[in-house]
Protein backbone atom coordinates (compact mmCIF):
# COMPACT_ATOMS: atom_id res chain seq x y z
CA MET A 1 -1.84 12.90 -15.56
CA THR A 2 1.36 13.53 -17.56
CA HIS A 3 4.77 12.31 -16.43
CA SER A 4 5.77 15.85 -15.75
CA ASN A 5 2.77 16.39 -13.49
CA MET A 6 3.58 13.14 -11.71
CA MET A 7 7.07 14.43 -11.13
CA LYS A 8 5.68 17.73 -9.85
CA THR A 9 3.69 16.02 -7.25
CA THR A 10 6.44 13.40 -6.54
CA CYS A 11 4.13 10.79 -8.35
CA LEU A 12 2.28 8.16 -6.52
CA ALA A 13 2.79 4.74 -8.04
CA ALA A 14 1.94 2.29 -5.23
CA THR A 15 2.91 -0.95 -7.02
CA PHE A 16 3.70 -4.56 -6.29
CA PHE A 17 6.35 -6.55 -8.27
CA ALA A 18 6.16 -10.29 -8.43
CA VAL A 19 9.88 -10.61 -7.53
CA ALA A 20 8.93 -9.17 -4.13
CA PHE A 21 7.36 -12.52 -3.32
CA ASN A 22 10.84 -13.78 -2.81
CA GLY A 23 12.39 -10.59 -1.52
CA PRO A 24 12.67 -8.73 1.72
CA LEU A 25 9.15 -7.35 1.71
CA LEU A 26 7.50 -10.69 1.75
CA ALA A 27 10.04 -12.05 4.26
CA GLN A 28 8.86 -9.35 6.60
CA ILE A 29 5.35 -10.28 6.06
CA SER A 30 5.86 -14.02 6.24
CA ALA A 31 8.07 -13.70 9.36
CA GLN A 32 5.13 -12.75 11.60
CA ASP A 33 5.06 -15.19 14.51
CA PRO A 34 1.58 -17.01 14.61
CA ASN A 35 1.90 -17.12 18.32
CA MET A 36 2.62 -13.35 18.79
CA ALA A 37 0.74 -11.31 21.38
CA CYS A 38 -2.22 -9.83 19.60
CA ASP A 39 -2.36 -6.38 21.14
CA ALA A 40 -1.95 -2.79 20.32
CA THR A 41 1.78 -2.88 20.06
CA LEU A 42 1.28 -4.31 16.55
CA ALA A 43 0.43 -0.82 15.37
CA HIS A 44 3.76 -0.20 13.60
CA GLY A 45 5.22 2.16 11.06
CA SER A 46 8.82 2.40 9.94
CA ILE A 47 10.97 3.21 6.96
CA ALA A 48 14.51 2.04 6.04
CA GLN A 49 16.96 3.14 3.46
CA LEU A 50 18.88 0.09 2.29
CA SER A 51 20.89 1.88 -0.21
CA ALA A 52 20.95 5.12 -2.29
CA THR A 53 18.32 3.66 -4.50
CA HIS A 54 16.43 1.27 -2.40
CA ALA A 55 14.08 2.07 0.50
CA THR A 56 11.18 0.34 2.38
CA ILE A 57 8.08 1.10 4.38
CA HIS A 58 6.48 -1.41 6.71
CA THR A 59 3.28 -0.60 8.54
CA SER A 60 0.82 -2.73 10.48
CA VAL A 61 -2.27 -2.39 12.72
CA LEU A 62 -4.20 -4.89 14.75
CA ILE A 63 -7.95 -4.95 13.91
CA ASP A 64 -10.42 -6.42 16.22
CA ALA A 65 -12.29 -8.47 13.66
CA ALA A 66 -11.83 -11.81 11.71
CA PRO A 67 -9.66 -11.67 8.58
CA ALA A 68 -12.67 -12.29 6.38
CA ASP A 69 -14.36 -9.15 7.68
CA VAL A 70 -11.24 -7.10 7.21
CA TRP A 71 -10.72 -8.37 3.73
CA ALA A 72 -14.38 -7.64 2.79
CA THR A 73 -13.94 -3.96 3.74
CA LEU A 74 -10.48 -3.79 2.18
CA THR A 75 -11.63 -5.05 -1.14
CA ASP A 76 -15.01 -3.21 -1.35
CA PHE A 77 -13.33 -0.83 -3.73
CA GLU A 78 -16.56 0.96 -4.79
CA THR A 79 -17.20 2.32 -1.20
CA MET A 80 -13.51 2.74 -0.17
CA SER A 81 -13.60 6.49 -0.58
CA ASP A 82 -16.43 6.72 1.87
CA TRP A 83 -13.93 6.00 4.70
CA SER A 84 -10.56 6.47 3.26
CA THR A 85 -9.40 10.15 3.27
CA GLY A 86 -5.94 9.54 2.02
CA THR A 87 -3.81 7.35 -0.26
CA LEU A 88 -5.81 4.44 -1.75
CA GLN A 89 -9.26 5.54 -2.74
CA GLY A 90 -10.34 2.55 -4.92
CA ILE A 91 -9.58 0.12 -7.77
CA ASP A 92 -11.63 -0.15 -10.94
CA GLY A 93 -11.34 -2.73 -13.65
CA ASP A 94 -10.81 -6.51 -13.94
CA ILE A 95 -10.47 -7.54 -10.16
CA GLN A 96 -8.70 -10.78 -10.42
CA ASP A 97 -5.15 -12.04 -10.42
CA GLY A 98 -3.47 -10.60 -13.52
CA GLY A 99 -6.41 -8.29 -14.18
CA SER A 100 -5.82 -4.80 -15.68
CA VAL A 101 -7.02 -2.19 -13.25
CA VAL A 102 -6.87 1.49 -12.56
CA VAL A 103 -5.88 2.51 -9.06
CA THR A 104 -7.14 5.82 -7.72
CA PHE A 105 -4.70 7.31 -5.18
CA LEU A 106 -4.49 10.67 -3.37
CA PHE A 107 -0.97 12.04 -3.01
CA GLY A 108 0.27 15.62 -2.81
CA THR A 109 -1.88 18.74 -2.80
CA ASP A 110 -2.59 21.39 -5.41
CA ASP A 111 -1.98 25.19 -4.97
CA ALA A 112 -5.24 25.45 -3.10
CA GLY A 113 -4.29 22.72 -0.65
CA ASN A 114 -6.57 20.14 -2.09
CA PRO A 115 -5.55 16.56 -2.39
CA ILE A 116 -4.33 15.45 -5.95
CA SER A 117 -6.15 12.35 -7.24
CA ASN A 118 -3.97 10.19 -9.45
CA GLU A 119 -5.36 7.42 -11.58
CA ILE A 120 -2.66 4.81 -12.35
CA PRO A 121 -3.05 1.69 -14.52
CA HIS A 122 -1.62 -1.44 -13.11
CA SER A 123 -1.74 -5.20 -13.42
CA LEU A 124 -3.36 -6.63 -10.27
CA ILE A 125 -1.70 -9.38 -8.23
CA LEU A 126 -4.40 -11.02 -6.03
CA ASP A 127 -4.31 -13.90 -3.61
CA GLU A 128 -7.97 -13.98 -2.61
CA GLY A 129 -8.63 -13.47 1.15
CA LYS A 130 -4.94 -12.81 1.82
CA MET A 131 -3.15 -10.06 -0.17
CA PHE A 132 -3.26 -7.79 -3.27
CA GLY A 133 -0.84 -5.44 -4.90
CA TRP A 134 0.21 -4.45 -8.33
CA SER A 135 3.26 -3.96 -10.45
CA ASP A 136 4.63 -1.31 -12.97
CA PRO A 137 7.92 0.43 -13.29
CA PHE A 138 8.26 4.12 -12.37
CA PRO A 139 8.42 6.38 -15.49
CA ALA A 140 12.05 7.31 -16.35
CA ASP A 141 11.44 10.93 -15.73
CA ILE A 142 10.85 10.32 -11.96
CA GLY A 143 13.84 8.08 -11.59
CA GLY A 144 12.73 4.73 -13.04
CA GLY A 145 12.89 1.53 -10.97
CA ARG A 146 10.00 0.01 -9.34
CA ASP A 147 7.72 0.56 -6.37
CA ASN A 148 6.55 -2.72 -4.84
CA HIS A 149 3.39 -2.39 -2.75
CA VAL A 150 1.51 -5.06 -0.70
CA TYR A 151 -1.75 -4.98 1.31
CA ALA A 152 -2.12 -8.20 3.40
CA VAL A 153 -4.34 -9.66 6.06
CA GLN A 154 -3.22 -12.20 8.56
CA PRO A 155 -5.04 -14.09 11.34
CA CYS A 156 -3.82 -13.07 14.82
CA GLY A 157 -5.79 -15.06 17.37
CA GLU A 158 -9.34 -13.93 16.87
CA LYS A 159 -8.25 -10.71 15.38
CA THR A 160 -6.47 -9.66 12.23
CA LEU A 161 -3.07 -8.20 11.59
CA PHE A 162 -3.35 -5.81 8.55
CA ILE A 163 0.00 -5.12 6.93
CA GLN A 164 0.82 -2.50 4.30
CA SER A 165 4.32 -2.52 3.02
CA ASP A 166 6.10 -0.86 0.19
CA GLU A 167 9.54 -1.11 -1.40
CA VAL A 168 11.07 1.39 -3.81
CA ILE A 169 14.04 -0.03 -5.73
CA ASP A 170 16.43 1.22 -8.36
CA ASN A 171 15.25 4.83 -7.93
CA PRO A 172 17.45 7.74 -6.88
CA TYR A 173 14.53 9.29 -4.99
CA ALA A 174 13.61 6.11 -3.08
CA ALA A 175 14.19 7.56 0.41
CA ASN A 176 12.19 10.71 -0.51
CA PHE A 177 9.26 8.63 -1.71
CA VAL A 178 9.03 6.39 1.38
CA THR A 179 9.35 9.34 3.72
CA GLN A 180 6.41 11.07 1.96
CA PHE A 181 4.34 7.91 1.82
CA LEU A 182 4.57 6.76 5.41
CA ALA A 183 2.01 9.07 7.06
CA GLY A 184 -0.54 8.39 4.37
CA TYR A 185 -0.13 4.56 4.73
CA GLN A 186 -0.57 4.88 8.58
CA LEU A 187 -3.67 7.08 8.12
CA PHE A 188 -5.08 4.43 5.66
CA ASN A 189 -4.42 1.62 8.28
CA ALA A 190 -6.16 3.57 10.98
CA GLU A 191 -9.12 4.38 8.84
CA LEU A 192 -9.45 0.74 7.73
CA LYS A 193 -9.42 -0.36 11.46
CA ALA A 194 -12.18 2.13 12.23
CA ALA A 195 -14.24 1.25 9.22
CA VAL A 196 -14.15 -2.41 10.16
CA GLU A 197 -14.63 -2.11 13.96
CA ASN A 198 -17.41 0.54 13.84
């Protein structure tokens, strides 16, 4: 996909930048209270515009399964497209921390209304059993900056809190990106929950 086509479809570059380990995105994830009530109220989705060039998404869902079971489904990238109908469709390549991968993501629709598949190379960041993400800057022709994306599982009693967060920084279209991404992230979360529980 060319940079101009990526701009046309508002480009999907769901990424994770190592600096985010010390930034507000990780703080949101790490601030979860281990004694919290593990109930349906943990299904959450919100966006925040922090400045003209900085916006975030934070989504979560409670899954009635152990973290290891959620992780196994979440990281079975070969079969992910069997249950995921939007956003992340799979990851191919060197699946290890620092490995080079290609992420397949659905974002936008073509003139016939069909989802557009984007294949985006990334360097994978992986903490086995806990989280994964990736990092690359946005191309300059769609505003530059970075898009920091995290998929994480956390124990919540005998259940699992799945968190999907994203942070677009140093990009003039940051608010537009997160507004468009939110519904797809929540759909992915709901479909992951269904895939694990059923």
